[in-house]
Amino acid sequence: MELARIETFAKLQPADLSSMDMLVANCLAAAADGDIDAYYDLGVAYSTGSHGLNCDLVEAHKWFNLAAANGHEEASWCRADVSDEMTAREIAEAQRRAREWLRLAAEAA
């Protein structure tokens, strides 16, 4: 885990809307290229409702799951934490979304 990268991600203030949107857009672009840290950063943003995103534990779980499945150790802990606050149905939906992301990424490649 790159602590400096996470600290930069966490320091933006709500008034920095254009920066927040750009940060999320950059993470999504990197995630499309399979960047594990971008998966993790998106999980953090969705789990905390930061960077212009609403708190969405299903999306957070999806991104943490993708990062954890690719070896990101911290993501596996975060996935477990958000799972504690989710129903079985929500977890199943998050897993379905992660599989769909992987399917679409494979088709694009």
PDB file of N, CA and C in Angstrom:
ATOM      1  N   MET A   1       0.831  -1.174   0.000  1.00  0.00           N
ATOM      2  CA  MET A   1       0.000   0.000   0.000  1.00  0.00           C
ATOM      3  C   MET A   1       0.878   1.240   0.000  1.00  0.00           C
ATOM      4  N   GLU A   2       0.556   2.183  -0.837  1.00  0.00           N
ATOM      5  CA  GLU A   2       1.281   3.445  -0.908  1.00  0.00           C
ATOM      6  C   GLU A   2       0.606   4.443   0.010  1.00  0.00           C
ATOM      7  N   LEU A   3       1.182   4.659   1.178  1.00  0.00           N
ATOM      8  CA  LEU A   3       0.578   5.549   2.161  1.00  0.00           C
ATOM      9  C   LEU A   3       0.439   6.964   1.625  1.00  0.00           C
ATOM     10  N   ALA A   4       1.431   7.450   0.926  1.00  0.00           N
ATOM     11  CA  ALA A   4       1.372   8.816   0.390  1.00  0.00           C
ATOM     12  C   ALA A   4       0.206   8.966  -0.583  1.00  0.00           C
ATOM     13  N   ARG A   5      -0.041   7.947  -1.384  1.00  0.00           N
ATOM     14  CA  ARG A   5      -1.126   8.000  -2.351  1.00  0.00           C
ATOM     15  C   ARG A   5      -2.482   8.044  -1.644  1.00  0.00           C
ATOM     16  N   ILE A   6      -2.630   7.257  -0.581  1.00  0.00           N
ATOM     17  CA  ILE A   6      -3.878   7.245   0.170  1.00  0.00           C
ATOM     18  C   ILE A   6      -4.064   8.565   0.898  1.00  0.00           C
ATOM     19  N   GLU A   7      -2.985   9.106   1.472  1.00  0.00           N
ATOM     20  CA  GLU A   7      -3.091  10.388   2.163  1.00  0.00           C
ATOM     21  C   GLU A   7      -3.496  11.489   1.199  1.00  0.00           C
ATOM     22  N   THR A   8      -2.944  11.493   0.010  1.00  0.00           N
ATOM     23  CA  THR A   8      -3.332  12.484  -0.990  1.00  0.00           C
ATOM     24  C   THR A   8      -4.802  12.323  -1.330  1.00  0.00           C
ATOM     25  N   PHE A   9      -5.233  11.091  -1.491  1.00  0.00           N
ATOM     26  CA  PHE A   9      -6.620  10.782  -1.821  1.00  0.00           C
ATOM     27  C   PHE A   9      -7.548  11.274  -0.715  1.00  0.00           C
ATOM     28  N   ALA A  10      -7.134  11.160   0.542  1.00  0.00           N
ATOM     29  CA  ALA A  10      -7.973  11.503   1.678  1.00  0.00           C
ATOM     30  C   ALA A  10      -7.958  12.989   2.016  1.00  0.00           C
ATOM     31  N   LYS A  11      -6.992  13.769   1.529  1.00  0.00           N
ATOM     32  CA  LYS A  11      -6.848  15.167   1.932  1.00  0.00           C
ATOM     33  C   LYS A  11      -7.758  16.131   1.178  1.00  0.00           C
ATOM     34  N   LEU A  12      -8.325  15.741   0.068  1.00  0.00           N
ATOM     35  CA  LEU A  12      -9.168  16.666  -0.676  1.00  0.00           C
ATOM     36  C   LEU A  12     -10.385  17.054   0.149  1.00  0.00           C
ATOM     37  N   GLN A  13     -10.745  18.301   0.085  1.00  0.00           N
ATOM     38  CA  GLN A  13     -11.883  18.814   0.838  1.00  0.00           C
ATOM     39  C   GLN A  13     -13.127  18.774  -0.048  1.00  0.00           C
ATOM     40  N   PRO A  14     -14.331  18.680   0.560  1.00  0.00           N
ATOM     41  CA  PRO A  14     -15.567  18.648  -0.229  1.00  0.00           C
ATOM     42  C   PRO A  14     -15.709  19.812  -1.204  1.00  0.00           C
ATOM     43  N   ALA A  15     -15.104  20.957  -0.915  1.00  0.00           N
ATOM     44  CA  ALA A  15     -15.213  22.105  -1.819  1.00  0.00           C
ATOM     45  C   ALA A  15     -14.432  21.898  -3.112  1.00  0.00           C
ATOM     46  N   ASP A  16     -13.530  20.908  -3.138  1.00  0.00           N
ATOM     47  CA  ASP A  16     -12.705  20.656  -4.313  1.00  0.00           C
ATOM     48  C   ASP A  16     -13.406  19.713  -5.294  1.00  0.00           C
ATOM     49  N   LEU A  17     -14.617  20.080  -5.723  1.00  0.00           N
ATOM     50  CA  LEU A  17     -15.418  19.170  -6.533  1.00  0.00           C
ATOM     51  C   LEU A  17     -14.731  18.760  -7.824  1.00  0.00           C
ATOM     52  N   SER A  18     -14.101  19.700  -8.519  1.00  0.00           N
ATOM     53  CA  SER A  18     -13.461  19.339  -9.776  1.00  0.00           C
ATOM     54  C   SER A  18     -12.299  18.382  -9.528  1.00  0.00           C
ATOM     55  N   SER A  19     -11.551  18.586  -8.457  1.00  0.00           N
ATOM     56  CA  SER A  19     -10.457  17.682  -8.117  1.00  0.00           C
ATOM     57  C   SER A  19     -10.985  16.309  -7.755  1.00  0.00           C
ATOM     58  N   MET A  20     -12.083  16.271  -7.005  1.00  0.00           N
ATOM     59  CA  MET A  20     -12.652  14.990  -6.610  1.00  0.00           C
ATOM     60  C   MET A  20     -13.111  14.219  -7.838  1.00  0.00           C
ATOM     61  N   ASP A  21     -13.823  14.882  -8.716  1.00  0.00           N
ATOM     62  CA  ASP A  21     -14.310  14.215  -9.911  1.00  0.00           C
ATOM     63  C   ASP A  21     -13.148  13.698 -10.761  1.00  0.00           C
ATOM     64  N   MET A  22     -12.099  14.492 -10.885  1.00  0.00           N
ATOM     65  CA  MET A  22     -10.942  14.093 -11.681  1.00  0.00           C
ATOM     66  C   MET A  22     -10.228  12.911 -11.033  1.00  0.00           C
ATOM     67  N   LEU A  23     -10.125  12.920  -9.719  1.00  0.00           N
ATOM     68  CA  LEU A  23      -9.471  11.820  -9.020  1.00  0.00           C
ATOM     69  C   LEU A  23     -10.222  10.516  -9.245  1.00  0.00           C
ATOM     70  N   VAL A  24     -11.535  10.553  -9.124  1.00  0.00           N
ATOM     71  CA  VAL A  24     -12.341   9.360  -9.354  1.00  0.00           C
ATOM     72  C   VAL A  24     -12.219   8.926 -10.811  1.00  0.00           C
ATOM     73  N   ALA A  25     -12.257   9.883 -11.719  1.00  0.00           N
ATOM     74  CA  ALA A  25     -12.120   9.554 -13.145  1.00  0.00           C
ATOM     75  C   ALA A  25     -10.764   8.903 -13.417  1.00  0.00           C
ATOM     76  N   ASN A  26      -9.711   9.432 -12.803  1.00  0.00           N
ATOM     77  CA  ASN A  26      -8.381   8.835 -12.986  1.00  0.00           C
ATOM     78  C   ASN A  26      -8.327   7.421 -12.422  1.00  0.00           C
ATOM     79  N   CYS A  27      -8.954   7.222 -11.270  1.00  0.00           N
ATOM     80  CA  CYS A  27      -8.981   5.880 -10.673  1.00  0.00           C
ATOM     81  C   CYS A  27      -9.765   4.909 -11.551  1.00  0.00           C
ATOM     82  N   LEU A  28     -10.873   5.360 -12.091  1.00  0.00           N
ATOM     83  CA  LEU A  28     -11.655   4.488 -12.972  1.00  0.00           C
ATOM     84  C   LEU A  28     -10.871   4.115 -14.227  1.00  0.00           C
ATOM     85  N   ALA A  29     -10.152   5.084 -14.786  1.00  0.00           N
ATOM     86  CA  ALA A  29      -9.333   4.801 -15.963  1.00  0.00           C
ATOM     87  C   ALA A  29      -8.233   3.807 -15.626  1.00  0.00           C
ATOM     88  N   ALA A  30      -7.590   3.996 -14.484  1.00  0.00           N
ATOM     89  CA  ALA A  30      -6.533   3.071 -14.066  1.00  0.00           C
ATOM     90  C   ALA A  30      -7.109   1.695 -13.754  1.00  0.00           C
ATOM     91  N   ALA A  31      -8.292   1.664 -13.152  1.00  0.00           N
ATOM     92  CA  ALA A  31      -8.945   0.386 -12.857  1.00  0.00           C
ATOM     93  C   ALA A  31      -9.257  -0.371 -14.141  1.00  0.00           C
ATOM     94  N   ALA A  32      -9.634   0.362 -15.181  1.00  0.00           N
ATOM     95  CA  ALA A  32      -9.909  -0.277 -16.471  1.00  0.00           C
ATOM     96  C   ALA A  32      -8.662  -0.952 -17.031  1.00  0.00           C
ATOM     97  N   ASP A  33      -7.493  -0.459 -16.621  1.00  0.00           N
ATOM     98  CA  ASP A  33      -6.226  -1.069 -17.042  1.00  0.00           C
ATOM     99  C   ASP A  33      -5.742  -2.124 -16.054  1.00  0.00           C
ATOM    100  N   GLY A  34      -6.573  -2.421 -15.031  1.00  0.00           N
ATOM    101  CA  GLY A  34      -6.219  -3.456 -14.075  1.00  0.00           C
ATOM    102  C   GLY A  34      -5.345  -2.999 -12.924  1.00  0.00           C
ATOM    103  N   ASP A  35      -5.297  -1.698 -12.659  1.00  0.00           N
ATOM    104  CA  ASP A  35      -4.473  -1.153 -11.580  1.00  0.00           C
ATOM    105  C   ASP A  35      -5.085  -1.525 -10.229  1.00  0.00           C
ATOM    106  N   ILE A  36      -4.400  -2.378  -9.485  1.00  0.00           N
ATOM    107  CA  ILE A  36      -4.901  -2.875  -8.200  1.00  0.00           C
ATOM    108  C   ILE A  36      -5.055  -1.750  -7.190  1.00  0.00           C
ATOM    109  N   ASP A  37      -4.132  -0.801  -7.176  1.00  0.00           N
ATOM    110  CA  ASP A  37      -4.243   0.329  -6.255  1.00  0.00           C
ATOM    111  C   ASP A  37      -5.452   1.196  -6.576  1.00  0.00           C
ATOM    112  N   ALA A  38      -5.799   1.307  -7.848  1.00  0.00           N
ATOM    113  CA  ALA A  38      -6.988   2.070  -8.236  1.00  0.00           C
ATOM    114  C   ALA A  38      -8.246   1.358  -7.737  1.00  0.00           C
ATOM    115  N   TYR A  39      -8.277   0.027  -7.829  1.00  0.00           N
ATOM    116  CA  TYR A  39      -9.404  -0.728  -7.270  1.00  0.00           C
ATOM    117  C   TYR A  39      -9.564  -0.373  -5.791  1.00  0.00           C
ATOM    118  N   TYR A  40      -8.442  -0.424  -5.077  1.00  0.00           N
ATOM    119  CA  TYR A  40      -8.464  -0.140  -3.643  1.00  0.00           C
ATOM    120  C   TYR A  40      -8.922   1.295  -3.373  1.00  0.00           C
ATOM    121  N   ASP A  41      -8.376   2.259  -4.107  1.00  0.00           N
ATOM    122  CA  ASP A  41      -8.749   3.658  -3.915  1.00  0.00           C
ATOM    123  C   ASP A  41     -10.238   3.874  -4.158  1.00  0.00           C
ATOM    124  N   LEU A  42     -10.793   3.210  -5.155  1.00  0.00           N
ATOM    125  CA  LEU A  42     -12.232   3.328  -5.405  1.00  0.00           C
ATOM    126  C   LEU A  42     -13.027   2.711  -4.259  1.00  0.00           C
ATOM    127  N   GLY A  43     -12.553   1.602  -3.727  1.00  0.00           N
ATOM    128  CA  GLY A  43     -13.206   1.010  -2.561  1.00  0.00           C
ATOM    129  C   GLY A  43     -13.220   1.968  -1.388  1.00  0.00           C
ATOM    130  N   VAL A  44     -12.094   2.646  -1.158  1.00  0.00           N
ATOM    131  CA  VAL A  44     -12.017   3.629  -0.069  1.00  0.00           C
ATOM    132  C   VAL A  44     -13.013   4.762  -0.323  1.00  0.00           C
ATOM    133  N   ALA A  45     -13.041   5.278  -1.527  1.00  0.00           N
ATOM    134  CA  ALA A  45     -13.931   6.401  -1.836  1.00  0.00           C
ATOM    135  C   ALA A  45     -15.397   6.016  -1.642  1.00  0.00           C
ATOM    136  N   TYR A  46     -15.785   4.839  -2.129  1.00  0.00           N
ATOM    137  CA  TYR A  46     -17.174   4.410  -1.966  1.00  0.00           C
ATOM    138  C   TYR A  46     -17.502   4.059  -0.515  1.00  0.00           C
ATOM    139  N   SER A  47     -16.564   3.500   0.213  1.00  0.00           N
ATOM    140  CA  SER A  47     -16.860   3.106   1.590  1.00  0.00           C
ATOM    141  C   SER A  47     -16.953   4.301   2.532  1.00  0.00           C
ATOM    142  N   THR A  48     -16.295   5.382   2.180  1.00  0.00           N
ATOM    143  CA  THR A  48     -16.312   6.579   3.028  1.00  0.00           C
ATOM    144  C   THR A  48     -17.224   7.676   2.491  1.00  0.00           C
ATOM    145  N   GLY A  49     -17.717   7.506   1.271  1.00  0.00           N
ATOM    146  CA  GLY A  49     -18.542   8.555   0.677  1.00  0.00           C
ATOM    147  C   GLY A  49     -17.750   9.816   0.429  1.00  0.00           C
ATOM    148  N   SER A  50     -16.536   9.655  -0.073  1.00  0.00           N
ATOM    149  CA  SER A  50     -15.668  10.806  -0.302  1.00  0.00           C
ATOM    150  C   SER A  50     -15.429  11.014  -1.791  1.00  0.00           C
ATOM    151  N   HIS A  51     -14.801  12.132  -2.105  1.00  0.00           N
ATOM    152  CA  HIS A  51     -14.392  12.469  -3.476  1.00  0.00           C
ATOM    153  C   HIS A  51     -15.567  12.537  -4.439  1.00  0.00           C
ATOM    154  N   GLY A  52     -16.667  13.109  -3.943  1.00  0.00           N
ATOM    155  CA  GLY A  52     -17.826  13.329  -4.797  1.00  0.00           C
ATOM    156  C   GLY A  52     -18.722  12.119  -4.949  1.00  0.00           C
ATOM    157  N   LEU A  53     -18.398  11.025  -4.276  1.00  0.00           N
ATOM    158  CA  LEU A  53     -19.204   9.814  -4.353  1.00  0.00           C
ATOM    159  C   LEU A  53     -20.069   9.670  -3.112  1.00  0.00           C
ATOM    160  N   ASN A  54     -21.247   9.101  -3.283  1.00  0.00           N
ATOM    161  CA  ASN A  54     -22.069   8.751  -2.133  1.00  0.00           C
ATOM    162  C   ASN A  54     -21.533   7.466  -1.533  1.00  0.00           C
ATOM    163  N   CYS A  55     -21.712   7.311  -0.231  1.00  0.00           N
ATOM    164  CA  CYS A  55     -21.320   6.069   0.420  1.00  0.00           C
ATOM    165  C   CYS A  55     -22.165   4.938  -0.170  1.00  0.00           C
ATOM    166  N   ASP A  56     -21.509   3.917  -0.692  1.00  0.00           N
ATOM    167  CA  ASP A  56     -22.180   2.782  -1.321  1.00  0.00           C
ATOM    168  C   ASP A  56     -21.359   1.541  -0.988  1.00  0.00           C
ATOM    169  N   LEU A  57     -21.810   0.795   0.012  1.00  0.00           N
ATOM    170  CA  LEU A  57     -21.039  -0.356   0.465  1.00  0.00           C
ATOM    171  C   LEU A  57     -20.998  -1.480  -0.560  1.00  0.00           C
ATOM    172  N   VAL A  58     -22.011  -1.584  -1.397  1.00  0.00           N
ATOM    173  CA  VAL A  58     -21.991  -2.607  -2.445  1.00  0.00           C
ATOM    174  C   VAL A  58     -20.860  -2.306  -3.432  1.00  0.00           C
ATOM    175  N   GLU A  59     -20.771  -1.058  -3.866  1.00  0.00           N
ATOM    176  CA  GLU A  59     -19.680  -0.678  -4.773  1.00  0.00           C
ATOM    177  C   GLU A  59     -18.326  -0.771  -4.079  1.00  0.00           C
ATOM    178  N   ALA A  60     -18.275  -0.363  -2.812  1.00  0.00           N
ATOM    179  CA  ALA A  60     -17.021  -0.456  -2.066  1.00  0.00           C
ATOM    180  C   ALA A  60     -16.558  -1.906  -1.994  1.00  0.00           C
ATOM    181  N   HIS A  61     -17.461  -2.804  -1.666  1.00  0.00           N
ATOM    182  CA  HIS A  61     -17.122  -4.230  -1.578  1.00  0.00           C
ATOM    183  C   HIS A  61     -16.626  -4.738  -2.926  1.00  0.00           C
ATOM    184  N   LYS A  62     -17.296  -4.338  -3.996  1.00  0.00           N
ATOM    185  CA  LYS A  62     -16.879  -4.749  -5.348  1.00  0.00           C
ATOM    186  C   LYS A  62     -15.422  -4.378  -5.595  1.00  0.00           C
ATOM    187  N   TRP A  63     -15.076  -3.116  -5.340  1.00  0.00           N
ATOM    188  CA  TRP A  63     -13.713  -2.650  -5.624  1.00  0.00           C
ATOM    189  C   TRP A  63     -12.697  -3.285  -4.683  1.00  0.00           C
ATOM    190  N   PHE A  64     -13.043  -3.411  -3.395  1.00  0.00           N
ATOM    191  CA  PHE A  64     -12.137  -4.085  -2.469  1.00  0.00           C
ATOM    192  C   PHE A  64     -11.955  -5.546  -2.863  1.00  0.00           C
ATOM    193  N   ASN A  65     -13.021  -6.172  -3.317  1.00  0.00           N
ATOM    194  CA  ASN A  65     -12.948  -7.568  -3.740  1.00  0.00           C
ATOM    195  C   ASN A  65     -12.020  -7.730  -4.940  1.00  0.00           C
ATOM    196  N   LEU A  66     -12.139  -6.846  -5.904  1.00  0.00           N
ATOM    197  CA  LEU A  66     -11.259  -6.909  -7.079  1.00  0.00           C
ATOM    198  C   LEU A  66      -9.801  -6.721  -6.677  1.00  0.00           C
ATOM    199  N   ALA A  67      -9.544  -5.768  -5.784  1.00  0.00           N
ATOM    200  CA  ALA A  67      -8.174  -5.531  -5.320  1.00  0.00           C
ATOM    201  C   ALA A  67      -7.654  -6.728  -4.530  1.00  0.00           C
ATOM    202  N   ALA A  68      -8.472  -7.247  -3.622  1.00  0.00           N
ATOM    203  CA  ALA A  68      -8.051  -8.386  -2.792  1.00  0.00           C
ATOM    204  C   ALA A  68      -7.785  -9.622  -3.642  1.00  0.00           C
ATOM    205  N   ALA A  69      -8.621  -9.839  -4.633  1.00  0.00           N
ATOM    206  CA  ALA A  69      -8.447 -11.005  -5.507  1.00  0.00           C
ATOM    207  C   ALA A  69      -7.137 -10.933  -6.292  1.00  0.00           C
ATOM    208  N   ASN A  70      -6.595  -9.730  -6.416  1.00  0.00           N
ATOM    209  CA  ASN A  70      -5.334  -9.536  -7.126  1.00  0.00           C
ATOM    210  C   ASN A  70      -4.160  -9.322  -6.177  1.00  0.00           C
ATOM    211  N   GLY A  71      -4.356  -9.672  -4.907  1.00  0.00           N
ATOM    212  CA  GLY A  71      -3.241  -9.667  -3.974  1.00  0.00           C
ATOM    213  C   GLY A  71      -3.071  -8.448  -3.098  1.00  0.00           C
ATOM    214  N   HIS A  72      -3.996  -7.517  -3.119  1.00  0.00           N
ATOM    215  CA  HIS A  72      -3.884  -6.319  -2.279  1.00  0.00           C
ATOM    216  C   HIS A  72      -4.343  -6.690  -0.871  1.00  0.00           C
ATOM    217  N   GLU A  73      -3.381  -6.819   0.047  1.00  0.00           N
ATOM    218  CA  GLU A  73      -3.674  -7.317   1.391  1.00  0.00           C
ATOM    219  C   GLU A  73      -4.620  -6.406   2.175  1.00  0.00           C
ATOM    220  N   GLU A  74      -4.367  -5.114   2.142  1.00  0.00           N
ATOM    221  CA  GLU A  74      -5.218  -4.178   2.880  1.00  0.00           C
ATOM    222  C   GLU A  74      -6.659  -4.231   2.382  1.00  0.00           C
ATOM    223  N   ALA A  75      -6.839  -4.448   1.085  1.00  0.00           N
ATOM    224  CA  ALA A  75      -8.186  -4.512   0.519  1.00  0.00           C
ATOM    225  C   ALA A  75      -8.982  -5.676   1.104  1.00  0.00           C
ATOM    226  N   SER A  76      -8.310  -6.774   1.382  1.00  0.00           N
ATOM    227  CA  SER A  76      -9.029  -7.915   1.953  1.00  0.00           C
ATOM    228  C   SER A  76      -9.554  -7.578   3.347  1.00  0.00           C
ATOM    229  N   TRP A  77      -8.785  -6.805   4.115  1.00  0.00           N
ATOM    230  CA  TRP A  77      -9.253  -6.373   5.437  1.00  0.00           C
ATOM    231  C   TRP A  77     -10.419  -5.395   5.299  1.00  0.00           C
ATOM    232  N   CYS A  78     -10.322  -4.485   4.360  1.00  0.00           N
ATOM    233  CA  CYS A  78     -11.394  -3.506   4.149  1.00  0.00           C
ATOM    234  C   CYS A  78     -12.667  -4.189   3.662  1.00  0.00           C
ATOM    235  N   ARG A  79     -12.507  -5.160   2.794  1.00  0.00           N
ATOM    236  CA  ARG A  79     -13.668  -5.916   2.303  1.00  0.00           C
ATOM    237  C   ARG A  79     -14.374  -6.589   3.478  1.00  0.00           C
ATOM    238  N   ALA A  80     -13.611  -7.183   4.379  1.00  0.00           N
ATOM    239  CA  ALA A  80     -14.197  -7.824   5.555  1.00  0.00           C
ATOM    240  C   ALA A  80     -14.922  -6.806   6.431  1.00  0.00           C
ATOM    241  N   ASP A  81     -14.335  -5.624   6.584  1.00  0.00           N
ATOM    242  CA  ASP A  81     -14.967  -4.581   7.403  1.00  0.00           C
ATOM    243  C   ASP A  81     -16.307  -4.140   6.818  1.00  0.00           C
ATOM    244  N   VAL A  82     -16.344  -3.870   5.514  1.00  0.00           N
ATOM    245  CA  VAL A  82     -17.616  -3.424   4.930  1.00  0.00           C
ATOM    246  C   VAL A  82     -18.630  -4.565   4.906  1.00  0.00           C
ATOM    247  N   SER A  83     -18.153  -5.789   4.773  1.00  0.00           N
ATOM    248  CA  SER A  83     -19.067  -6.946   4.780  1.00  0.00           C
ATOM    249  C   SER A  83     -19.848  -7.037   6.081  1.00  0.00           C
ATOM    250  N   ASP A  84     -19.206  -6.634   7.175  1.00  0.00           N
ATOM    251  CA  ASP A  84     -19.872  -6.671   8.483  1.00  0.00           C
ATOM    252  C   ASP A  84     -21.105  -5.774   8.538  1.00  0.00           C
ATOM    253  N   GLU A  85     -21.153  -4.788   7.654  1.00  0.00           N
ATOM    254  CA  GLU A  85     -22.265  -3.837   7.636  1.00  0.00           C
ATOM    255  C   GLU A  85     -23.256  -4.111   6.506  1.00  0.00           C
ATOM    256  N   MET A  86     -23.083  -5.234   5.808  1.00  0.00           N
ATOM    257  CA  MET A  86     -23.911  -5.542   4.647  1.00  0.00           C
ATOM    258  C   MET A  86     -24.750  -6.791   4.888  1.00  0.00           C
ATOM    259  N   THR A  87     -25.869  -6.870   4.155  1.00  0.00           N
ATOM    260  CA  THR A  87     -26.681  -8.082   4.180  1.00  0.00           C
ATOM    261  C   THR A  87     -26.083  -9.095   3.205  1.00  0.00           C
ATOM    262  N   ALA A  88     -26.505 -10.327   3.322  1.00  0.00           N
ATOM    263  CA  ALA A  88     -26.050 -11.371   2.396  1.00  0.00           C
ATOM    264  C   ALA A  88     -26.432 -11.017   0.966  1.00  0.00           C
ATOM    265  N   ARG A  89     -27.577 -10.432   0.784  1.00  0.00           N
ATOM    266  CA  ARG A  89     -28.027 -10.039  -0.560  1.00  0.00           C
ATOM    267  C   ARG A  89     -27.130  -8.946  -1.134  1.00  0.00           C
ATOM    268  N   GLU A  90     -26.739  -7.992  -0.300  1.00  0.00           N
ATOM    269  CA  GLU A  90     -25.847  -6.925  -0.762  1.00  0.00           C
ATOM    270  C   GLU A  90     -24.470  -7.476  -1.132  1.00  0.00           C
ATOM    271  N   ILE A  91     -23.969  -8.401  -0.349  1.00  0.00           N
ATOM    272  CA  ILE A  91     -22.675  -9.025  -0.658  1.00  0.00           C
ATOM    273  C   ILE A  91     -22.759  -9.787  -1.970  1.00  0.00           C
ATOM    274  N   ALA A  92     -23.840 -10.517  -2.161  1.00  0.00           N
ATOM    275  CA  ALA A  92     -24.027 -11.251  -3.419  1.00  0.00           C
ATOM    276  C   ALA A  92     -24.071 -10.295  -4.607  1.00  0.00           C
ATOM    277  N   GLU A  93     -24.731  -9.154  -4.437  1.00  0.00           N
ATOM    278  CA  GLU A  93     -24.790  -8.155  -5.510  1.00  0.00           C
ATOM    279  C   GLU A  93     -23.400  -7.584  -5.795  1.00  0.00           C
ATOM    280  N   ALA A  94     -22.632  -7.313  -4.751  1.00  0.00           N
ATOM    281  CA  ALA A  94     -21.267  -6.801  -4.927  1.00  0.00           C
ATOM    282  C   ALA A  94     -20.414  -7.815  -5.684  1.00  0.00           C
ATOM    283  N   GLN A  95     -20.550  -9.079  -5.348  1.00  0.00           N
ATOM    284  CA  GLN A  95     -19.787 -10.118  -6.028  1.00  0.00           C
ATOM    285  C   GLN A  95     -20.214 -10.247  -7.492  1.00  0.00           C
ATOM    286  N   ARG A  96     -21.523 -10.096  -7.743  1.00  0.00           N
ATOM    287  CA  ARG A  96     -22.009 -10.129  -9.124  1.00  0.00           C
ATOM    288  C   ARG A  96     -21.421  -8.970  -9.920  1.00  0.00           C
ATOM    289  N   ARG A  97     -21.382  -7.785  -9.315  1.00  0.00           N
ATOM    290  CA  ARG A  97     -20.814  -6.617  -9.993  1.00  0.00           C
ATOM    291  C   ARG A  97     -19.319  -6.798 -10.271  1.00  0.00           C
ATOM    292  N   ALA A  98     -18.608  -7.404  -9.346  1.00  0.00           N
ATOM    293  CA  ALA A  98     -17.177  -7.651  -9.557  1.00  0.00           C
ATOM    294  C   ALA A  98     -16.973  -8.620 -10.724  1.00  0.00           C
ATOM    295  N   ARG A  99     -17.775  -9.675 -10.766  1.00  0.00           N
ATOM    296  CA  ARG A  99     -17.671 -10.622 -11.889  1.00  0.00           C
ATOM    297  C   ARG A  99     -18.000  -9.939 -13.209  1.00  0.00           C
ATOM    298  N   GLU A 100     -19.014  -9.078 -13.193  1.00  0.00           N
ATOM    299  CA  GLU A 100     -19.391  -8.344 -14.409  1.00  0.00           C
ATOM    300  C   GLU A 100     -18.255  -7.428 -14.855  1.00  0.00           C
ATOM    301  N   TRP A 101     -17.610  -6.745 -13.920  1.00  0.00           N
ATOM    302  CA  TRP A 101     -16.465  -5.886 -14.248  1.00  0.00           C
ATOM    303  C   TRP A 101     -15.375  -6.712 -14.927  1.00  0.00           C
ATOM    304  N   LEU A 102     -15.068  -7.856 -14.354  1.00  0.00           N
ATOM    305  CA  LEU A 102     -14.027  -8.729 -14.920  1.00  0.00           C
ATOM    306  C   LEU A 102     -14.412  -9.226 -16.311  1.00  0.00           C
ATOM    307  N   ARG A 103     -15.693  -9.562 -16.476  1.00  0.00           N
ATOM    308  CA  ARG A 103     -16.162 -10.035 -17.791  1.00  0.00           C
ATOM    309  C   ARG A 103     -16.023  -8.940 -18.833  1.00  0.00           C
ATOM    310  N   LEU A 104     -16.440  -7.738 -18.492  1.00  0.00           N
ATOM    311  CA  LEU A 104     -16.355  -6.622 -19.444  1.00  0.00           C
ATOM    312  C   LEU A 104     -14.893  -6.267 -19.745  1.00  0.00           C
ATOM    313  N   ALA A 105     -14.043  -6.357 -18.729  1.00  0.00           N
ATOM    314  CA  ALA A 105     -12.608  -6.075 -18.941  1.00  0.00           C
ATOM    315  C   ALA A 105     -11.991  -7.116 -19.872  1.00  0.00           C
ATOM    316  N   ALA A 106     -12.391  -8.375 -19.709  1.00  0.00           N
ATOM    317  CA  ALA A 106     -11.861  -9.438 -20.575  1.00  0.00           C
ATOM    318  C   ALA A 106     -12.332  -9.246 -22.009  1.00  0.00           C
ATOM    319  N   GLU A 107     -13.579  -8.823 -22.189  1.00  0.00           N
ATOM    320  CA  GLU A 107     -14.098  -8.581 -23.530  1.00  0.00           C
ATOM    321  C   GLU A 107     -13.390  -7.422 -24.212  1.00  0.00           C
ATOM    322  N   ALA A 108     -13.032  -6.404 -23.426  1.00  0.00           N
ATOM    323  CA  ALA A 108     -12.356  -5.236 -23.981  1.00  0.00           C
ATOM    324  C   ALA A 108     -10.930  -5.544 -24.387  1.00  0.00           C
ATOM    325  N   ALA A 109     -10.335  -6.553 -23.770  1.00  0.00           N
ATOM    326  CA  ALA A 109      -8.938  -6.882 -24.046  1.00  0.00           C
ATOM    327  C   ALA A 109      -8.742  -7.640 -25.306  1.00  0.00           C
TER     328      ALA A 109
END
